[in-house]
Amino acid sequence: MKKIYEQFFTIVGNFTGDCCKPIGDFSCSDWQTLFEISSQQKLECAVYESVYNTPSFEAAEKQLREEWKTLVKRRYLFEVGKVERFWDIYETLTGAGVQPLVLKGVVCRFLYSKPYARPSGDEDLLVRKEDLKKCHLVLKEMGLKRASDSDGNVLKYMDVSTGLQIEVHKSLFEETDSVGSYFNTWFENAFKMSEMVETDGHSIITMEPTYHLLYLFAHWIKHFVGPGIGIRQICDISKFINKWGESIDWEVIAEKMCGQKYGLLCANVIEIG
C-alpha cells in the first residue's frame, strides 16, 4: 500500500503542476486500489487526467478504464453546471446590493489548469449582518432551498436543479467551536481586507491574499483537529501560494500561526504541498 500511496501523491503532484514525474507500473489490482483512494479523496477526475494517456494505464482492466472515463465526463458536466449557476446567483446578489466575500471554492478551483477536475462541495460566502435578510430573499427568489434551519454561523442553501450548495456565513467559524471561535478574531475586519479579483472571466470580491491564505490554513486546522482532512485542501493551499506568494505578508502568517502553536503544523502543510 505504501507504494500505491506514494504513486498517488506523485500523480496528484503531476496534476497540480507541482511536479512532473513518471509513474511506475501498476497491476490490475493496483489500479483498482488507486481508483478507490482517488474516490475517497474526491480526486477521481484529477487522477484520471494525469494517467489516462500513460502506457501504464493500459494495465488497468478495460471495464475500470471505461467506468472511470464515464464518471469523469459526468462529473465535469456536474461541476460546470454548478459553477455556471453560482455565477448567475453571485451576480444577482451583487446586483441587488449584497456584496459578499467569496472564499475558497471558485477562487481555488480556477488556480488549476483543469479547474473542473477540482470538485467543490459548496461555495462559501461571507455576508455582512445587515445584508443577511436581503441575501436570503434573493436566494429564495432564485429557487434555492434552505438546507439547514440552524441558527449557527452558517446558513446552508441548495439549488436542487444543479446540486449547487451555498453556505452563507455570518462569521467564518462557529463561535461555540473551541478552535474556530478564536480564529474569528483574525477576521473581524474581513470586509476591510477585501479586494476585487478576476476569476473565470468574472469580477469577484474576496479577501486579500495574506488573510485569505490565513483563512485556508485556519480552515484546514479546524478540519485537522475535527473530522479530518483530505489532500485536496493541501493542493489548494499549495496552488494559492504559488499564485499569490509574492503578495503574501509572511510575517503576519507566522505571527498568527506561531502565536497559537500551529507554526510547525503549517510548515508541514507547505512542505507536503
C-alpha atoms as a PDB file:
ATOM      1  CA  MET A   1       0.000   0.000   0.000  1.00  0.00           C
ATOM      2  CA  LYS A   2       2.877   2.365   0.724  1.00  0.00           C
ATOM      3  CA  LYS A   3       3.987   2.172  -2.917  1.00  0.00           C
ATOM      4  CA  ILE A   4       0.482   2.932  -4.170  1.00  0.00           C
ATOM      5  CA  TYR A   5       0.104   5.922  -1.850  1.00  0.00           C
ATOM      6  CA  GLU A   6       3.485   7.261  -2.964  1.00  0.00           C
ATOM      7  CA  GLN A   7       2.396   6.906  -6.587  1.00  0.00           C
ATOM      8  CA  PHE A   8      -0.912   8.562  -5.751  1.00  0.00           C
ATOM      9  CA  PHE A   9       0.899  11.630  -4.389  1.00  0.00           C
ATOM     10  CA  THR A  10       3.131  11.715  -7.473  1.00  0.00           C
ATOM     11  CA  ILE A  11       0.087  11.596  -9.746  1.00  0.00           C
ATOM     12  CA  VAL A  12      -1.687  14.351  -7.804  1.00  0.00           C
ATOM     13  CA  GLY A  13       1.512  16.432  -7.932  1.00  0.00           C
ATOM     14  CA  ASN A  14       1.615  15.973 -11.694  1.00  0.00           C
ATOM     15  CA  PHE A  15      -1.978  17.180 -11.925  1.00  0.00           C
ATOM     16  CA  THR A  16      -1.398  20.293  -9.819  1.00  0.00           C
ATOM     17  CA  GLY A  17       1.767  21.094 -11.768  1.00  0.00           C
ATOM     18  CA  ASP A  18       3.943  20.989  -8.649  1.00  0.00           C
ATOM     19  CA  CYS A  19       5.959  18.103 -10.080  1.00  0.00           C
ATOM     20  CA  CYS A  20       6.366  16.231 -13.344  1.00  0.00           C
ATOM     21  CA  LYS A  21       7.438  12.660 -12.669  1.00  0.00           C
ATOM     22  CA  PRO A  22       6.801   9.401 -14.500  1.00  0.00           C
ATOM     23  CA  ILE A  23       4.612   6.889 -12.725  1.00  0.00           C
ATOM     24  CA  GLY A  24       5.600   3.271 -12.204  1.00  0.00           C
ATOM     25  CA  ASP A  25       3.905   0.126 -13.405  1.00  0.00           C
ATOM     26  CA  PHE A  26       0.630  -0.940 -11.815  1.00  0.00           C
ATOM     27  CA  SER A  27      -1.144  -4.269 -11.743  1.00  0.00           C
ATOM     28  CA  CYS A  28      -4.893  -4.544 -12.336  1.00  0.00           C
ATOM     29  CA  SER A  29      -5.499  -4.673  -8.591  1.00  0.00           C
ATOM     30  CA  ASP A  30      -3.210  -1.665  -8.066  1.00  0.00           C
ATOM     31  CA  TRP A  31      -5.309   0.397 -10.457  1.00  0.00           C
ATOM     32  CA  GLN A  32      -8.475  -0.626  -8.631  1.00  0.00           C
ATOM     33  CA  THR A  33      -6.897   0.433  -5.335  1.00  0.00           C
ATOM     34  CA  LEU A  34      -5.732   3.730  -6.843  1.00  0.00           C
ATOM     35  CA  PHE A  35      -9.254   4.427  -8.058  1.00  0.00           C
ATOM     36  CA  GLU A  36     -10.624   3.737  -4.582  1.00  0.00           C
ATOM     37  CA  ILE A  37      -8.077   6.091  -2.972  1.00  0.00           C
ATOM     38  CA  SER A  38      -8.920   8.753  -5.556  1.00  0.00           C
ATOM     39  CA  SER A  39     -12.619   8.367  -4.773  1.00  0.00           C
ATOM     40  CA  GLN A  40     -12.002   8.702  -1.032  1.00  0.00           C
ATOM     41  CA  GLN A  41     -10.159  11.966  -1.671  1.00  0.00           C
ATOM     42  CA  LYS A  42     -12.703  13.130  -4.300  1.00  0.00           C
ATOM     43  CA  LEU A  43      -9.906  13.384  -6.856  1.00  0.00           C
ATOM     44  CA  GLU A  44     -11.069  10.807  -9.410  1.00  0.00           C
ATOM     45  CA  CYS A  45     -11.048  13.427 -12.185  1.00  0.00           C
ATOM     46  CA  ALA A  46      -7.654  14.850 -11.244  1.00  0.00           C
ATOM     47  CA  VAL A  47      -6.008  11.432 -11.127  1.00  0.00           C
ATOM     48  CA  TYR A  48      -7.656  10.335 -14.383  1.00  0.00           C
ATOM     49  CA  GLU A  49      -6.410  13.485 -16.132  1.00  0.00           C
ATOM     50  CA  SER A  50      -2.862  12.572 -15.095  1.00  0.00           C
ATOM     51  CA  VAL A  51      -2.920   8.882 -16.065  1.00  0.00           C
ATOM     52  CA  TYR A  52      -5.392   8.210 -18.871  1.00  0.00           C
ATOM     53  CA  ASN A  53      -2.838   8.672 -21.682  1.00  0.00           C
ATOM     54  CA  THR A  54       0.058   6.850 -19.999  1.00  0.00           C
ATOM     55  CA  PRO A  55       1.213   3.392 -21.160  1.00  0.00           C
ATOM     56  CA  SER A  56       0.888   2.167 -17.575  1.00  0.00           C
ATOM     57  CA  PHE A  57      -2.868   2.819 -17.596  1.00  0.00           C
ATOM     58  CA  GLU A  58      -3.282   0.124 -20.235  1.00  0.00           C
ATOM     59  CA  ALA A  59      -2.663  -2.402 -17.450  1.00  0.00           C
ATOM     60  CA  ALA A  60      -5.976  -1.453 -15.866  1.00  0.00           C
ATOM     61  CA  GLU A  61      -8.977  -3.607 -16.710  1.00  0.00           C
ATOM     62  CA  LYS A  62     -10.938  -2.250 -19.650  1.00  0.00           C
ATOM     63  CA  GLN A  63     -14.129  -2.125 -17.589  1.00  0.00           C
ATOM     64  CA  LEU A  64     -12.434   0.040 -14.934  1.00  0.00           C
ATOM     65  CA  ARG A  65     -10.998   2.380 -17.587  1.00  0.00           C
ATOM     66  CA  GLU A  66     -14.381   2.794 -19.236  1.00  0.00           C
ATOM     67  CA  GLU A  67     -16.213   3.308 -15.944  1.00  0.00           C
ATOM     68  CA  TRP A  68     -13.616   5.837 -14.819  1.00  0.00           C
ATOM     69  CA  LYS A  69     -13.871   7.739 -18.111  1.00  0.00           C
ATOM     70  CA  THR A  70     -17.666   7.808 -17.897  1.00  0.00           C
ATOM     71  CA  LEU A  71     -17.516   9.032 -14.301  1.00  0.00           C
ATOM     72  CA  VAL A  72     -15.134  11.866 -15.249  1.00  0.00           C
ATOM     73  CA  LYS A  73     -17.373  13.043 -18.089  1.00  0.00           C
ATOM     74  CA  ARG A  74     -20.390  13.020 -15.778  1.00  0.00           C
ATOM     75  CA  ARG A  75     -18.503  14.872 -13.039  1.00  0.00           C
ATOM     76  CA  TYR A  76     -17.273  17.524 -15.470  1.00  0.00           C
ATOM     77  CA  LEU A  77     -20.822  18.267 -16.608  1.00  0.00           C
ATOM     78  CA  PHE A  78     -21.963  18.382 -12.979  1.00  0.00           C
ATOM     79  CA  GLU A  79     -19.177  20.793 -11.945  1.00  0.00           C
ATOM     80  CA  VAL A  80     -19.675  23.050 -14.972  1.00  0.00           C
ATOM     81  CA  GLY A  81     -23.400  23.278 -14.241  1.00  0.00           C
ATOM     82  CA  LYS A  82     -22.777  24.207 -10.605  1.00  0.00           C
ATOM     83  CA  VAL A  83     -20.232  26.897 -11.478  1.00  0.00           C
ATOM     84  CA  GLU A  84     -22.445  28.492 -14.137  1.00  0.00           C
ATOM     85  CA  ARG A  85     -25.319  28.581 -11.660  1.00  0.00           C
ATOM     86  CA  PHE A  86     -23.062  30.090  -8.999  1.00  0.00           C
ATOM     87  CA  TRP A  87     -22.055  32.971 -11.274  1.00  0.00           C
ATOM     88  CA  ASP A  88     -25.706  33.644 -12.020  1.00  0.00           C
ATOM     89  CA  ILE A  89     -26.523  33.724  -8.298  1.00  0.00           C
ATOM     90  CA  TYR A  90     -23.479  35.798  -7.333  1.00  0.00           C
ATOM     91  CA  GLU A  91     -24.150  38.439  -9.966  1.00  0.00           C
ATOM     92  CA  THR A  92     -27.815  38.606  -8.944  1.00  0.00           C
ATOM     93  CA  LEU A  93     -26.751  39.148  -5.324  1.00  0.00           C
ATOM     94  CA  THR A  94     -24.329  41.933  -6.204  1.00  0.00           C
ATOM     95  CA  GLY A  95     -26.921  43.474  -8.484  1.00  0.00           C
ATOM     96  CA  ALA A  96     -29.305  43.580  -5.521  1.00  0.00           C
ATOM     97  CA  GLY A  97     -26.718  45.427  -3.437  1.00  0.00           C
ATOM     98  CA  VAL A  98     -25.390  42.452  -1.470  1.00  0.00           C
ATOM     99  CA  GLN A  99     -21.578  42.396  -1.615  1.00  0.00           C
ATOM    100  CA  PRO A 100     -20.496  39.046  -0.143  1.00  0.00           C
ATOM    101  CA  LEU A 101     -16.896  37.911   0.094  1.00  0.00           C
ATOM    102  CA  VAL A 102     -16.246  34.788  -1.972  1.00  0.00           C
ATOM    103  CA  LEU A 103     -13.941  32.364  -0.161  1.00  0.00           C
ATOM    104  CA  LYS A 104     -12.243  29.096  -1.163  1.00  0.00           C
ATOM    105  CA  GLY A 105     -14.472  27.406  -3.770  1.00  0.00           C
ATOM    106  CA  VAL A 106     -14.238  29.085  -7.159  1.00  0.00           C
ATOM    107  CA  VAL A 107     -11.233  31.140  -6.019  1.00  0.00           C
ATOM    108  CA  CYS A 108      -9.216  27.936  -5.560  1.00  0.00           C
ATOM    109  CA  ARG A 109     -10.825  25.997  -8.408  1.00  0.00           C
ATOM    110  CA  PHE A 110      -9.547  28.330 -11.108  1.00  0.00           C
ATOM    111  CA  LEU A 111      -5.962  28.141  -9.882  1.00  0.00           C
ATOM    112  CA  TYR A 112      -5.779  24.781 -11.663  1.00  0.00           C
ATOM    113  CA  SER A 113      -5.129  24.310 -15.382  1.00  0.00           C
ATOM    114  CA  LYS A 114      -8.130  21.937 -15.488  1.00  0.00           C
ATOM    115  CA  PRO A 115     -10.447  23.633 -12.990  1.00  0.00           C
ATOM    116  CA  TYR A 116     -13.406  21.272 -13.337  1.00  0.00           C
ATOM    117  CA  ALA A 117     -11.254  18.337 -12.263  1.00  0.00           C
ATOM    118  CA  ARG A 118     -11.090  20.045  -8.872  1.00  0.00           C
ATOM    119  CA  PRO A 119     -14.519  19.374  -7.308  1.00  0.00           C
ATOM    120  CA  SER A 120     -16.206  21.794  -4.951  1.00  0.00           C
ATOM    121  CA  GLY A 121     -18.566  20.559  -2.266  1.00  0.00           C
ATOM    122  CA  ASP A 122     -20.052  24.015  -1.716  1.00  0.00           C
ATOM    123  CA  GLU A 123     -19.420  27.707  -2.300  1.00  0.00           C
ATOM    124  CA  ASP A 124     -18.740  29.908   0.723  1.00  0.00           C
ATOM    125  CA  LEU A 125     -19.987  33.481   1.013  1.00  0.00           C
ATOM    126  CA  LEU A 126     -19.309  35.771   3.957  1.00  0.00           C
ATOM    127  CA  VAL A 127     -22.191  38.235   4.223  1.00  0.00           C
ATOM    128  CA  ARG A 128     -22.482  41.377   6.355  1.00  0.00           C
ATOM    129  CA  LYS A 129     -25.015  41.080   9.151  1.00  0.00           C
ATOM    130  CA  GLU A 130     -27.149  43.891   7.700  1.00  0.00           C
ATOM    131  CA  ASP A 131     -27.298  42.106   4.310  1.00  0.00           C
ATOM    132  CA  LEU A 132     -28.375  38.687   5.572  1.00  0.00           C
ATOM    133  CA  LYS A 133     -32.113  39.273   5.140  1.00  0.00           C
ATOM    134  CA  LYS A 134     -31.730  40.616   1.609  1.00  0.00           C
ATOM    135  CA  CYS A 135     -29.370  37.760   0.760  1.00  0.00           C
ATOM    136  CA  HIS A 136     -31.928  35.224   1.985  1.00  0.00           C
ATOM    137  CA  LEU A 137     -34.706  36.831  -0.074  1.00  0.00           C
ATOM    138  CA  VAL A 138     -32.594  36.838  -3.257  1.00  0.00           C
ATOM    139  CA  LEU A 139     -31.639  33.191  -2.853  1.00  0.00           C
ATOM    140  CA  LYS A 140     -35.248  32.264  -2.132  1.00  0.00           C
ATOM    141  CA  GLU A 141     -36.458  34.156  -5.222  1.00  0.00           C
ATOM    142  CA  MET A 142     -33.881  32.279  -7.307  1.00  0.00           C
ATOM    143  CA  GLY A 143     -35.345  28.978  -6.167  1.00  0.00           C
ATOM    144  CA  LEU A 144     -32.729  27.877  -3.641  1.00  0.00           C
ATOM    145  CA  LYS A 145     -33.949  25.880  -0.673  1.00  0.00           C
ATOM    146  CA  ARG A 146     -32.727  26.214   2.906  1.00  0.00           C
ATOM    147  CA  ALA A 147     -30.832  23.000   3.562  1.00  0.00           C
ATOM    148  CA  SER A 148     -30.480  23.745   7.265  1.00  0.00           C
ATOM    149  CA  ASP A 149     -32.546  25.575   9.857  1.00  0.00           C
ATOM    150  CA  SER A 150     -29.512  26.011  12.085  1.00  0.00           C
ATOM    151  CA  ASP A 151     -29.132  29.291  13.941  1.00  0.00           C
ATOM    152  CA  GLY A 152     -25.347  28.885  13.941  1.00  0.00           C
ATOM    153  CA  ASN A 153     -22.831  30.863  11.924  1.00  0.00           C
ATOM    154  CA  VAL A 154     -23.715  29.196   8.593  1.00  0.00           C
ATOM    155  CA  LEU A 155     -26.954  29.206   6.605  1.00  0.00           C
ATOM    156  CA  LYS A 156     -26.941  26.396   4.034  1.00  0.00           C
ATOM    157  CA  TYR A 157     -28.802  26.581   0.730  1.00  0.00           C
ATOM    158  CA  MET A 158     -29.274  24.051  -2.062  1.00  0.00           C
ATOM    159  CA  ASP A 159     -30.048  24.600  -5.731  1.00  0.00           C
ATOM    160  CA  VAL A 160     -31.938  21.406  -6.499  1.00  0.00           C
ATOM    161  CA  SER A 161     -31.647  21.727 -10.292  1.00  0.00           C
ATOM    162  CA  THR A 162     -27.827  21.742 -10.355  1.00  0.00           C
ATOM    163  CA  GLY A 163     -26.796  20.350  -6.977  1.00  0.00           C
ATOM    164  CA  LEU A 164     -25.017  23.601  -6.114  1.00  0.00           C
ATOM    165  CA  GLN A 165     -24.683  24.176  -2.366  1.00  0.00           C
ATOM    166  CA  ILE A 166     -24.075  27.643  -0.983  1.00  0.00           C
ATOM    167  CA  GLU A 167     -23.009  28.336   2.576  1.00  0.00           C
ATOM    168  CA  VAL A 168     -23.817  31.866   3.735  1.00  0.00           C
ATOM    169  CA  HIS A 169     -21.523  32.689   6.640  1.00  0.00           C
ATOM    170  CA  LYS A 170     -22.393  35.152   9.368  1.00  0.00           C
ATOM    171  CA  SER A 171     -18.858  34.536  10.635  1.00  0.00           C
ATOM    172  CA  LEU A 172     -16.133  32.332   9.244  1.00  0.00           C
ATOM    173  CA  PHE A 173     -16.085  29.956  12.217  1.00  0.00           C
ATOM    174  CA  GLU A 174     -18.606  28.727  14.748  1.00  0.00           C
ATOM    175  CA  GLU A 175     -18.447  30.809  17.925  1.00  0.00           C
ATOM    176  CA  THR A 176     -19.119  27.742  20.045  1.00  0.00           C
ATOM    177  CA  ASP A 177     -16.207  25.847  18.480  1.00  0.00           C
ATOM    178  CA  SER A 178     -13.191  25.789  20.789  1.00  0.00           C
ATOM    179  CA  VAL A 179     -10.765  26.123  17.865  1.00  0.00           C
ATOM    180  CA  GLY A 180     -12.743  28.239  15.427  1.00  0.00           C
ATOM    181  CA  SER A 181     -14.019  30.840  17.890  1.00  0.00           C
ATOM    182  CA  TYR A 182     -10.516  32.232  18.353  1.00  0.00           C
ATOM    183  CA  PHE A 183      -9.894  32.256  14.602  1.00  0.00           C
ATOM    184  CA  ASN A 184     -12.860  34.601  14.187  1.00  0.00           C
ATOM    185  CA  THR A 185     -10.895  37.353  15.922  1.00  0.00           C
ATOM    186  CA  TRP A 186      -8.424  37.313  12.999  1.00  0.00           C
ATOM    187  CA  PHE A 187     -11.182  38.075  10.514  1.00  0.00           C
ATOM    188  CA  GLU A 188     -13.250  40.687  12.349  1.00  0.00           C
ATOM    189  CA  ASN A 189     -12.298  43.224   9.658  1.00  0.00           C
ATOM    190  CA  ALA A 190     -12.582  40.821   6.728  1.00  0.00           C
ATOM    191  CA  PHE A 191     -14.534  43.281   4.581  1.00  0.00           C
ATOM    192  CA  LYS A 192     -11.860  45.941   5.116  1.00  0.00           C
ATOM    193  CA  MET A 193      -9.256  43.425   3.928  1.00  0.00           C
ATOM    194  CA  SER A 194     -11.052  42.666   0.678  1.00  0.00           C
ATOM    195  CA  GLU A 195     -10.081  43.161  -2.944  1.00  0.00           C
ATOM    196  CA  MET A 196     -11.504  42.592  -6.412  1.00  0.00           C
ATOM    197  CA  VAL A 197     -10.026  39.749  -8.475  1.00  0.00           C
ATOM    198  CA  GLU A 198     -10.778  38.285 -11.884  1.00  0.00           C
ATOM    199  CA  THR A 199     -11.785  34.618 -11.834  1.00  0.00           C
ATOM    200  CA  ASP A 200     -13.109  32.682 -14.811  1.00  0.00           C
ATOM    201  CA  GLY A 201     -13.857  35.987 -16.541  1.00  0.00           C
ATOM    202  CA  HIS A 202     -15.866  37.299 -13.583  1.00  0.00           C
ATOM    203  CA  SER A 203     -15.025  40.057 -11.105  1.00  0.00           C
ATOM    204  CA  ILE A 204     -15.458  38.900  -7.529  1.00  0.00           C
ATOM    205  CA  ILE A 205     -14.747  40.357  -4.116  1.00  0.00           C
ATOM    206  CA  THR A 206     -12.614  38.197  -1.839  1.00  0.00           C
ATOM    207  CA  MET A 207     -10.130  38.668   0.977  1.00  0.00           C
ATOM    208  CA  GLU A 208      -6.694  39.947   0.028  1.00  0.00           C
ATOM    209  CA  PRO A 209      -4.046  37.165  -0.304  1.00  0.00           C
ATOM    210  CA  THR A 210      -2.488  37.257   3.174  1.00  0.00           C
ATOM    211  CA  TYR A 211      -5.748  36.860   5.072  1.00  0.00           C
ATOM    212  CA  HIS A 212      -7.268  34.532   2.503  1.00  0.00           C
ATOM    213  CA  LEU A 213      -4.290  32.191   2.966  1.00  0.00           C
ATOM    214  CA  LEU A 214      -4.619  32.609   6.734  1.00  0.00           C
ATOM    215  CA  TYR A 215      -8.239  31.513   6.366  1.00  0.00           C
ATOM    216  CA  LEU A 216      -7.229  28.474   4.270  1.00  0.00           C
ATOM    217  CA  PHE A 217      -4.772  27.468   6.991  1.00  0.00           C
ATOM    218  CA  ALA A 218      -7.309  28.052   9.771  1.00  0.00           C
ATOM    219  CA  HIS A 219      -9.989  26.094   7.907  1.00  0.00           C
ATOM    220  CA  TRP A 220      -7.507  23.247   7.391  1.00  0.00           C
ATOM    221  CA  ILE A 221      -6.645  23.227  11.100  1.00  0.00           C
ATOM    222  CA  LYS A 222     -10.324  23.160  12.066  1.00  0.00           C
ATOM    223  CA  HIS A 223     -10.759  20.004   9.996  1.00  0.00           C
ATOM    224  CA  PHE A 224      -7.448  18.529  11.155  1.00  0.00           C
ATOM    225  CA  VAL A 225      -8.453  18.631  14.834  1.00  0.00           C
ATOM    226  CA  GLY A 226     -12.048  17.694  13.978  1.00  0.00           C
ATOM    227  CA  PRO A 227     -13.454  15.316  11.353  1.00  0.00           C
ATOM    228  CA  GLY A 228     -10.205  15.013   9.378  1.00  0.00           C
ATOM    229  CA  ILE A 229      -8.705  16.491   6.236  1.00  0.00           C
ATOM    230  CA  GLY A 230      -8.015  15.478   2.654  1.00  0.00           C
ATOM    231  CA  ILE A 231      -5.129  16.024   0.265  1.00  0.00           C
ATOM    232  CA  ARG A 232      -7.275  18.371  -1.848  1.00  0.00           C
ATOM    233  CA  GLN A 233      -7.099  21.066   0.845  1.00  0.00           C
ATOM    234  CA  ILE A 234      -3.307  20.868   0.787  1.00  0.00           C
ATOM    235  CA  CYS A 235      -3.377  21.116  -3.015  1.00  0.00           C
ATOM    236  CA  ASP A 236      -5.467  24.297  -2.741  1.00  0.00           C
ATOM    237  CA  ILE A 237      -3.037  25.855  -0.260  1.00  0.00           C
ATOM    238  CA  SER A 238      -0.091  24.943  -2.481  1.00  0.00           C
ATOM    239  CA  LYS A 239      -1.713  26.404  -5.599  1.00  0.00           C
ATOM    240  CA  PHE A 240      -2.748  29.538  -3.702  1.00  0.00           C
ATOM    241  CA  ILE A 241       0.817  30.143  -2.501  1.00  0.00           C
ATOM    242  CA  ASN A 242       2.223  29.536  -5.987  1.00  0.00           C
ATOM    243  CA  LYS A 243      -0.211  32.126  -7.370  1.00  0.00           C
ATOM    244  CA  TRP A 244      -0.020  34.859  -4.742  1.00  0.00           C
ATOM    245  CA  GLY A 245       3.110  34.033  -2.731  1.00  0.00           C
ATOM    246  CA  GLU A 246       4.867  37.303  -3.546  1.00  0.00           C
ATOM    247  CA  SER A 247       1.849  39.299  -2.346  1.00  0.00           C
ATOM    248  CA  ILE A 248       1.549  37.494   0.995  1.00  0.00           C
ATOM    249  CA  ASP A 249       2.842  39.077   4.189  1.00  0.00           C
ATOM    250  CA  TRP A 250       4.523  36.003   5.656  1.00  0.00           C
ATOM    251  CA  GLU A 251       5.280  37.790   8.920  1.00  0.00           C
ATOM    252  CA  VAL A 252       1.539  38.050   9.563  1.00  0.00           C
ATOM    253  CA  ILE A 253       1.057  34.347   8.779  1.00  0.00           C
ATOM    254  CA  ALA A 254       3.948  33.362  11.065  1.00  0.00           C
ATOM    255  CA  GLU A 255       2.822  35.663  13.890  1.00  0.00           C
ATOM    256  CA  LYS A 256      -0.753  34.344  13.887  1.00  0.00           C
ATOM    257  CA  MET A 257       0.086  30.669  13.463  1.00  0.00           C
ATOM    258  CA  CYS A 258       3.086  30.512  15.788  1.00  0.00           C
ATOM    259  CA  GLY A 259       1.178  32.525  18.385  1.00  0.00           C
ATOM    260  CA  GLN A 260      -1.339  29.677  18.572  1.00  0.00           C
ATOM    261  CA  LYS A 261       1.322  26.918  18.388  1.00  0.00           C
ATOM    262  CA  TYR A 262       0.354  25.994  14.824  1.00  0.00           C
ATOM    263  CA  GLY A 263       3.572  27.175  13.174  1.00  0.00           C
ATOM    264  CA  LEU A 264       5.158  23.747  12.743  1.00  0.00           C
ATOM    265  CA  LEU A 265       1.885  22.269  11.535  1.00  0.00           C
ATOM    266  CA  CYS A 266       1.569  24.935   8.823  1.00  0.00           C
ATOM    267  CA  ALA A 267       5.214  24.470   7.840  1.00  0.00           C
ATOM    268  CA  ASN A 268       4.457  20.768   7.375  1.00  0.00           C
ATOM    269  CA  VAL A 269       1.461  21.580   5.179  1.00  0.00           C
ATOM    270  CA  ILE A 270       3.638  23.768   2.964  1.00  0.00           C
ATOM    271  CA  GLU A 271       6.323  21.072   2.857  1.00  0.00           C
ATOM    272  CA  ILE A 272       3.785  18.453   1.773  1.00  0.00           C
ATOM    273  CA  GLY A 273       2.424  20.842  -0.853  1.00  0.00           C
END
